[in-house]
Protein backbone atom coordinates (compact mmCIF):
# COMPACT_ATOMS: atom_id res chain seq x y z
CA MET A 1 -42.57 69.17 -78.65
CA THR A 2 -45.29 69.69 -81.23
CA ARG A 3 -46.80 73.41 -81.88
CA LEU A 4 -50.70 73.30 -81.00
CA PRO A 5 -52.92 74.98 -83.58
CA THR A 6 -54.04 78.28 -82.61
CA MET A 7 -57.84 77.16 -82.84
CA ASN A 8 -58.29 80.42 -85.12
CA HIS A 9 -57.71 82.57 -81.95
CA ALA A 10 -56.63 86.16 -83.07
CA ASN A 11 -55.91 87.01 -79.58
CA GLU A 12 -52.30 87.81 -79.30
CA MET A 13 -52.23 87.88 -75.48
CA GLU A 14 -53.78 84.21 -75.36
CA ASP A 15 -51.13 82.90 -78.03
CA GLN A 16 -48.28 84.41 -76.00
CA LEU A 17 -49.50 82.66 -73.04
CA VAL A 18 -49.25 79.29 -74.75
CA LEU A 19 -45.67 80.11 -75.87
CA ARG A 20 -44.73 81.12 -72.42
CA ALA A 21 -46.01 77.75 -71.18
CA ARG A 22 -43.85 76.27 -73.69
CA ARG A 23 -40.84 78.34 -72.44
CA PHE A 24 -41.61 77.28 -68.76
CA LEU A 25 -41.36 73.45 -69.82
CA ALA A 26 -38.29 73.93 -71.73
CA GLU A 27 -36.48 76.08 -68.92
CA HIS A 28 -37.78 74.49 -65.93
CA VAL A 29 -39.38 70.87 -66.51
CA THR A 30 -37.54 69.27 -69.40
CA PRO A 31 -34.13 69.66 -67.90
CA ARG A 32 -35.53 67.85 -64.88
CA LEU A 33 -36.89 65.06 -66.85
CA GLU A 34 -33.77 64.69 -68.91
CA ALA A 35 -31.72 64.50 -65.68
CA GLY A 36 -33.77 61.51 -64.67
CA GLU A 37 -35.62 63.31 -61.92
CA LYS A 38 -39.41 62.42 -61.55
CA PRO A 39 -41.86 65.50 -61.99
CA TRP A 40 -42.50 67.37 -58.91
CA TYR A 41 -44.35 70.60 -58.10
CA ASP A 42 -42.02 72.51 -55.39
CA ALA A 43 -41.96 76.22 -54.71
CA ALA A 44 -39.23 77.03 -57.10
CA LEU A 45 -41.38 75.33 -59.99
CA SER A 46 -44.47 77.16 -58.83
CA GLN A 47 -42.94 80.59 -59.01
CA ALA A 48 -41.57 79.77 -62.49
CA ALA A 49 -45.00 78.71 -63.35
CA ALA A 50 -46.33 81.97 -62.02
CA ALA A 51 -44.04 84.07 -63.94
CA ALA A 52 -44.91 82.51 -66.96
CA GLY A 53 -48.59 83.43 -66.64
CA ILE A 54 -49.77 79.67 -65.99
CA LEU A 55 -51.31 80.23 -62.49
CA GLY A 56 -53.38 83.43 -63.79
CA ILE A 57 -54.70 82.11 -66.95
CA SER A 58 -58.58 82.93 -66.57
CA VAL A 59 -58.26 84.83 -63.46
CA PRO A 60 -59.57 88.41 -63.61
CA THR A 61 -57.08 90.77 -64.16
CA GLU A 62 -57.78 92.91 -61.03
CA PHE A 63 -56.08 89.90 -58.92
CA GLY A 64 -53.02 89.75 -61.41
CA GLY A 65 -54.41 87.23 -63.83
CA SER A 66 -54.90 87.42 -67.60
CA GLY A 67 -58.41 87.15 -67.81
CA ALA A 68 -58.27 84.68 -70.75
CA SER A 69 -60.63 82.39 -72.18
CA PHE A 70 -61.36 78.80 -71.16
CA SER A 71 -60.14 77.79 -74.65
CA CYS A 72 -56.84 79.41 -73.87
CA LYS A 73 -56.53 77.52 -70.73
CA VAL A 74 -57.19 74.12 -72.74
CA ARG A 75 -54.26 75.01 -75.07
CA VAL A 76 -51.92 75.69 -71.72
CA VAL A 77 -52.64 72.32 -70.06
CA GLU A 78 -52.45 70.48 -73.20
CA ALA A 79 -48.88 71.61 -73.87
CA LEU A 80 -48.03 71.13 -70.11
CA ALA A 81 -49.31 67.52 -70.37
CA GLU A 82 -46.90 66.76 -73.06
CA ALA A 83 -44.26 66.93 -70.21
CA ASP A 84 -46.21 65.55 -67.52
CA PHE A 85 -50.26 65.09 -66.83
CA GLY A 86 -49.44 65.24 -63.15
CA LEU A 87 -47.82 68.55 -63.32
CA SER A 88 -50.41 69.98 -65.67
CA MET A 89 -53.15 68.80 -63.28
CA ALA A 90 -51.51 70.25 -60.20
CA LEU A 91 -50.88 73.49 -61.56
CA ILE A 92 -54.36 73.83 -63.46
CA ASN A 93 -55.96 72.90 -60.02
CA SER A 94 -54.05 75.81 -58.16
CA HIS A 95 -55.18 78.13 -60.89
CA ASN A 96 -58.96 77.01 -60.75
CA THR A 97 -58.95 77.48 -56.98
CA ALA A 98 -57.86 81.21 -57.71
CA GLU A 99 -60.21 81.62 -60.38
CA ASN A 100 -63.08 80.19 -58.25
CA ILE A 101 -62.39 82.53 -54.92
CA ALA A 102 -61.64 85.65 -57.31
CA ARG A 103 -65.00 85.26 -59.17
CA ASN A 104 -67.08 84.19 -56.17
CA ALA A 105 -65.67 85.12 -52.77
CA ARG A 106 -66.25 88.22 -50.80
CA PRO A 107 -63.72 91.06 -51.88
CA ALA A 108 -61.71 90.93 -48.64
CA VAL A 109 -61.22 86.83 -48.84
CA ALA A 110 -60.21 87.03 -52.39
CA ARG A 111 -57.76 89.56 -51.82
CA ARG A 112 -56.21 87.42 -48.84
CA PHE A 113 -55.77 84.51 -51.08
CA VAL A 114 -56.00 84.99 -54.80
CA PRO A 115 -52.63 87.08 -55.42
CA GLU A 116 -50.61 84.56 -53.42
CA ILE A 117 -51.81 81.78 -55.75
CA VAL A 118 -51.23 83.60 -58.98
CA ALA A 119 -47.74 84.61 -57.82
CA GLY A 120 -46.84 81.18 -57.08
CA ARG A 121 -46.32 81.81 -53.28
CA MET A 122 -49.12 79.37 -52.16
CA ALA A 123 -51.11 76.33 -53.81
CA GLY A 124 -54.79 75.76 -53.73
CA CYS A 125 -57.12 72.77 -54.03
CA THR A 126 -60.83 71.76 -54.61
CA SER A 127 -62.14 69.42 -52.26
CA LEU A 128 -65.31 67.26 -53.43
CA THR A 129 -64.22 63.64 -52.88
CA GLU A 130 -64.37 61.96 -49.75
CA PRO A 131 -63.48 58.19 -48.73
CA GLY A 132 -67.15 57.21 -49.12
CA ALA A 133 -67.91 59.79 -52.10
CA GLY A 134 -66.36 59.99 -55.25
CA SER A 135 -68.28 60.37 -58.62
CA ASP A 136 -71.40 60.33 -56.49
CA PHE A 137 -70.54 63.89 -55.14
CA ALA A 138 -74.18 64.40 -53.77
CA ALA A 139 -73.59 61.55 -51.26
CA ILE A 140 -70.56 63.81 -49.35
CA THR A 141 -70.86 63.67 -45.47
CA THR A 142 -68.55 66.53 -44.64
CA ARG A 143 -70.87 68.52 -42.43
CA ALA A 144 -71.43 72.54 -42.10
CA THR A 145 -73.20 73.47 -39.06
CA ARG A 146 -74.41 76.93 -38.56
CA VAL A 147 -72.97 78.71 -35.51
CA GLU A 148 -72.82 82.37 -34.41
CA GLY A 149 -70.79 84.46 -36.90
CA GLY A 150 -70.43 81.61 -39.28
CA TRP A 151 -70.16 77.69 -39.77
CA ARG A 152 -68.48 74.74 -38.16
CA LEU A 153 -67.07 72.27 -40.64
CA ASP A 154 -66.40 68.77 -39.90
CA GLY A 155 -65.28 65.88 -42.05
CA GLU A 156 -62.92 64.16 -44.27
CA LYS A 157 -61.56 64.76 -47.68
CA ALA A 158 -59.38 62.24 -49.66
CA TRP A 159 -57.80 61.97 -53.22
CA ILE A 160 -57.52 65.74 -53.34
CA ILE A 161 -55.16 67.13 -55.76
CA ASN A 162 -52.46 69.50 -54.06
CA ALA A 163 -53.78 68.29 -50.56
CA ILE A 164 -50.06 67.92 -49.23
CA ARG A 165 -49.20 71.30 -50.29
CA THR A 166 -52.34 73.61 -49.99
CA GLY A 167 -52.70 76.86 -48.38
CA VAL A 168 -56.17 77.27 -49.18
CA ALA A 169 -59.20 75.00 -50.14
CA VAL A 170 -62.45 75.26 -51.62
CA CYS A 171 -64.35 72.77 -49.68
CA TYR A 172 -67.90 71.41 -50.19
CA ALA A 173 -70.01 70.39 -47.18
CA GLN A 174 -73.41 69.31 -46.46
CA THR A 175 -75.53 71.84 -44.46
CA GLU A 176 -78.48 69.69 -44.02
CA THR A 177 -78.52 65.80 -43.49
CA GLY A 178 -80.62 64.09 -46.00
CA SER A 179 -81.22 66.88 -48.38
CA GLY A 180 -78.75 65.48 -51.14
CA ALA A 181 -77.52 67.98 -53.65
CA ALA A 182 -79.73 70.71 -52.47
CA GLY A 183 -78.10 71.12 -49.21
CA ILE A 184 -74.48 71.36 -50.32
CA ALA A 185 -72.62 74.55 -49.74
CA SER A 186 -68.99 75.34 -50.33
CA PHE A 187 -66.54 77.37 -48.32
CA VAL A 188 -63.06 78.97 -48.42
CA VAL A 189 -60.80 77.23 -45.91
CA ASP A 190 -57.63 78.34 -44.79
CA ALA A 191 -55.23 75.25 -44.18
CA SER A 192 -53.26 77.21 -41.85
CA ARG A 193 -56.05 77.60 -39.21
CA ALA A 194 -56.93 75.59 -36.17
CA GLY A 195 -59.05 72.57 -37.20
CA PHE A 196 -57.40 71.73 -40.56
CA VAL A 197 -55.65 68.50 -40.24
CA ARG A 198 -53.26 67.56 -43.01
CA GLY A 199 -53.02 64.02 -44.00
CA GLY A 200 -50.14 62.53 -46.03
CA PRO A 201 -49.80 61.51 -49.54
CA ILE A 202 -52.19 58.84 -50.70
CA THR A 203 -50.10 57.23 -53.42
CA SER A 204 -46.73 57.38 -54.99
CA ALA A 205 -48.09 57.53 -58.49
CA LEU A 206 -48.05 60.74 -60.34
CA PRO A 207 -46.12 62.59 -57.56
CA ALA A 208 -46.46 66.08 -58.80
CA LEU A 209 -50.36 65.85 -58.47
CA GLY A 210 -49.49 65.92 -54.62
CA THR A 211 -52.62 63.89 -53.98
CA GLY A 212 -53.55 63.53 -50.25
CA SER A 213 -56.32 64.03 -47.66
CA TYR A 214 -57.23 66.27 -44.87
CA ARG A 215 -59.84 66.49 -41.92
CA LEU A 216 -61.75 69.18 -40.74
CA ASP A 217 -62.26 68.98 -36.97
CA ALA A 218 -64.42 71.72 -35.54
CA TYR A 219 -62.92 74.11 -38.11
CA LEU A 220 -64.41 77.65 -37.95
CA ALA A 221 -65.41 79.39 -41.27
CA SER A 222 -66.72 82.93 -41.09
CA ASP A 223 -69.91 84.02 -42.73
CA ASP A 224 -67.61 85.83 -45.32
CA GLU A 225 -65.93 82.32 -46.25
CA LEU A 226 -69.25 81.07 -47.52
CA LEU A 227 -68.30 80.73 -51.29
CA ALA A 228 -71.60 79.37 -52.63
CA PRO A 229 -74.56 78.73 -50.41
CA ALA A 230 -76.71 75.49 -50.68
CA GLY A 231 -78.75 75.57 -53.82
CA GLN A 232 -75.68 76.77 -55.89
CA ALA A 233 -72.52 75.13 -54.96
CA PHE A 234 -73.92 71.85 -56.69
CA LYS A 235 -74.60 73.45 -59.68
CA ARG A 236 -71.31 75.55 -59.93
CA ALA A 237 -69.35 72.35 -59.09
CA LEU A 238 -71.24 70.48 -61.99
CA THR A 239 -70.24 73.17 -64.28
CA SER A 240 -66.50 73.24 -63.49
CA ILE A 241 -66.56 69.55 -63.70
CA ASN A 242 -67.96 69.70 -67.15
CA GLY A 243 -64.83 72.17 -68.03
CA ALA A 244 -62.69 69.79 -66.35
CA ARG A 245 -63.55 66.86 -68.55
CA ILE A 246 -62.81 68.88 -71.57
CA TYR A 247 -59.23 69.94 -70.35
CA VAL A 248 -58.27 66.62 -69.14
CA GLY A 249 -59.37 65.47 -72.74
CA ALA A 250 -56.81 68.11 -73.89
CA MET A 251 -54.16 66.62 -71.61
CA CYS A 252 -54.60 63.20 -73.01
CA SER A 253 -54.10 64.79 -76.73
CA GLY A 254 -50.91 66.53 -75.22
CA MET A 255 -49.59 62.99 -74.10
CA VAL A 256 -50.33 61.50 -77.72
CA ALA A 257 -48.96 64.29 -79.45
CA GLU A 258 -45.42 64.00 -77.49
CA SER A 259 -45.54 60.00 -77.67
CA ILE A 260 -46.01 60.47 -81.50
CA ARG A 261 -42.98 63.03 -81.62
CA VAL A 262 -40.66 60.97 -79.76
CA ALA A 263 -41.67 57.69 -81.60
CA ALA A 264 -41.21 59.45 -85.05
CA GLU A 265 -37.87 60.78 -84.08
CA TYR A 266 -36.62 57.55 -82.94
CA GLY A 267 -37.70 55.73 -86.11
CA ARG A 268 -35.90 58.31 -88.10
CA ALA A 269 -32.63 57.37 -86.06
CA ARG A 270 -32.96 53.70 -85.35
CA LYS A 271 -31.68 51.46 -88.18
CA THR A 272 -33.10 47.84 -88.67
CA PHE A 273 -32.22 45.44 -91.58
CA GLY A 274 -30.06 48.17 -93.22
CA GLU A 275 -32.75 51.21 -93.11
CA PRO A 276 -34.45 53.25 -90.54
CA LEU A 277 -37.31 52.00 -88.86
CA ALA A 278 -39.35 55.00 -90.47
CA GLY A 279 -38.81 53.31 -93.79
CA HIS A 280 -40.87 50.54 -92.90
CA GLN A 281 -44.48 51.07 -93.98
CA SER A 282 -46.07 48.94 -91.53
CA TRP A 283 -44.15 50.63 -88.81
CA ARG A 284 -45.35 54.10 -90.09
CA PHE A 285 -48.92 52.93 -89.96
CA ALA A 286 -49.23 53.05 -86.24
CA LEU A 287 -48.08 56.61 -86.16
CA ALA A 288 -50.49 57.30 -88.99
CA ASP A 289 -53.47 55.91 -86.66
CA ALA A 290 -52.35 58.03 -83.95
CA SER A 291 -52.18 61.27 -85.69
CA VAL A 292 -55.56 60.58 -87.11
CA ASP A 293 -57.17 59.93 -83.97
CA LEU A 294 -55.34 62.93 -82.22
CA GLU A 295 -56.59 65.28 -84.83
CA ALA A 296 -60.32 63.81 -84.14
CA ALA A 297 -59.82 64.42 -80.28
CA ARG A 298 -58.73 67.90 -80.78
CA LEU A 299 -61.77 68.68 -82.88
CA LEU A 300 -63.98 67.41 -80.25
CA ILE A 301 -62.09 69.14 -77.46
CA TYR A 302 -61.70 72.52 -79.09
CA ASP A 303 -65.39 72.53 -80.19
CA ALA A 304 -66.41 71.79 -76.50
CA ALA A 305 -64.25 74.77 -75.32
CA LYS A 306 -65.74 77.00 -77.61
CA ARG A 307 -69.04 76.22 -76.65
CA LEU A 308 -68.08 76.62 -73.07
CA ASP A 309 -66.94 79.89 -73.97
CA ALA A 310 -70.16 80.96 -75.72
CA GLY A 311 -71.96 80.00 -72.26
CA GLU A 312 -73.65 76.70 -73.76
CA ASP A 313 -74.72 73.64 -71.90
CA VAL A 314 -71.52 71.40 -72.53
CA GLN A 315 -72.67 68.28 -70.63
CA GLY A 316 -72.89 66.16 -73.69
CA PRO A 317 -70.04 67.80 -75.70
CA ALA A 318 -67.63 67.41 -72.66
CA ALA A 319 -68.65 63.76 -71.85
CA ARG A 320 -67.86 62.84 -75.66
CA ALA A 321 -64.82 64.72 -75.81
CA LYS A 322 -63.38 63.09 -72.70
CA ILE A 323 -64.48 59.74 -73.40
CA PHE A 324 -62.85 59.71 -77.28
CA ALA A 325 -59.61 61.36 -75.91
CA THR A 326 -59.02 58.98 -72.90
CA THR A 327 -59.77 56.14 -75.04
CA MET A 328 -57.47 57.50 -77.78
CA ALA A 329 -54.79 57.92 -75.45
CA HIS A 330 -54.93 54.51 -73.86
CA ARG A 331 -54.55 53.03 -77.45
CA HIS A 332 -51.95 55.28 -78.87
CA VAL A 333 -49.55 56.03 -76.03
CA GLY A 334 -48.97 52.28 -75.53
CA ALA A 335 -48.57 51.59 -79.44
CA MET A 336 -45.97 54.44 -79.64
CA LEU A 337 -43.99 52.60 -76.86
CA HIS A 338 -44.35 49.41 -78.93
CA CYS A 339 -42.95 51.29 -82.02
CA MET A 340 -39.79 52.01 -80.20
CA GLY A 341 -39.51 48.25 -78.60
CA ALA A 342 -37.59 47.76 -75.45
CA ALA A 343 -36.09 51.44 -75.74
CA GLY A 344 -39.51 52.76 -74.91
CA PHE A 345 -39.46 51.56 -71.41
CA ALA A 346 -36.19 53.92 -70.95
CA ASP A 347 -36.65 56.26 -68.19
CA ARG A 348 -35.45 59.33 -70.33
CA TYR A 349 -38.67 58.78 -72.79
CA PRO A 350 -42.18 59.76 -71.46
CA PHE A 351 -44.03 56.60 -72.22
CA LEU A 352 -44.25 55.01 -68.85
CA ARG A 353 -45.48 58.11 -66.85
CA HIS A 354 -47.90 58.69 -69.95
CA LEU A 355 -49.34 55.37 -69.37
CA GLU A 356 -49.75 55.86 -65.65
CA SER A 357 -51.46 59.12 -66.48
CA VAL A 358 -53.97 57.83 -68.97
CA GLN A 359 -55.22 55.29 -66.22
CA ALA A 360 -55.83 58.19 -64.03
CA ALA A 361 -57.33 60.42 -66.71
CA ALA A 362 -60.10 57.78 -67.32
CA PHE A 363 -61.74 58.20 -63.93
CA THR A 364 -60.73 61.79 -63.09
CA ASP A 365 -63.71 64.15 -63.32
CA GLY A 366 -66.03 61.17 -64.23
CA SER A 367 -65.30 57.57 -65.24
CA THR A 368 -65.47 56.52 -69.01
CA GLU A 369 -68.46 54.07 -67.87
CA MET A 370 -70.30 56.78 -66.28
CA LEU A 371 -70.06 59.37 -69.03
CA LYS A 372 -71.09 56.71 -71.63
CA GLU A 373 -74.14 56.14 -69.41
CA ARG A 374 -74.87 59.84 -69.32
CA ILE A 375 -74.71 59.93 -73.05
CA ALA A 376 -76.84 56.70 -73.32
CA ARG A 377 -79.77 58.29 -71.50
CA GLY A 378 -80.44 60.13 -74.60
CA PHE A 379 -81.51 57.16 -76.52
CA ARG A 380 -84.06 55.61 -74.20
């Protein structure tokens, strides 16, 4: 796997986190893939990821995390996605749940859940999407009703990463029918409590994602478990989505980087008409095109990440980075498979799972069309 640029970071701790993520892949993920296993996120893998620091990258140090920058998180998920996009997304979603609770929950609630996630003993998930509300987040219908001492939650969440395994969820719910975004609040939801009804897997695609659903049926959340009140939750969610667009773009870069590496290695070894594939100029041009677009994507992604770390508004930079990176991945993962001919379809190579993944990346955290429309508004 290729070594990512350091993005001019002088921070040795963050560089070490990236190296530990790569060792985690080499020791715990690559052997599974080479043995023909599909990527999965089980208890053993979760604890190995925790030992590598992956589940605590940006979590405050008082909860066992590293307190690293968003840019560091981008570098780690890019490395993880070289092996498998689904695994990278599942791990970072657990991490994000821990970070959100650590930074915004009441101390007692944070102490109950965050160390468990950071240590790999519990998975976490963030629950925005519903059967009738995806990109239109303000249209959610999960209901939060005020009761004595807390809130009653009722509704269904769907297409949630880690839902089939989660121990805790950050759940968004409407507190006032008809109020749209202004009425949305978020809650810490304990999956072991009465009223949490877990659904099964929704799809067999990208199995490491653990995508599923759950229903809240008269679930009672205490006042302490209100994470963000109405008026704040929607804004925080949009901020986190902008960050997700940046790191999803980074994951696309990771998949393209690995696709180039595998194709180049194959091209040096495979001979046609008496010389290696890599000896044919027309064959090499496809790799050259991919490498140019990969570097352009990284520049957009890393710039957006630095802006987020600096506290800037990154709606535009995040949208541009994700659009370019996902489009680039659609083009070049398939092109690198084509460079290998029929051999590219072999299970030991990453192309088929990467092709499946780039399809998912194009609509995760905002479809390409929606993001283009957002950028296009500036030209009215």
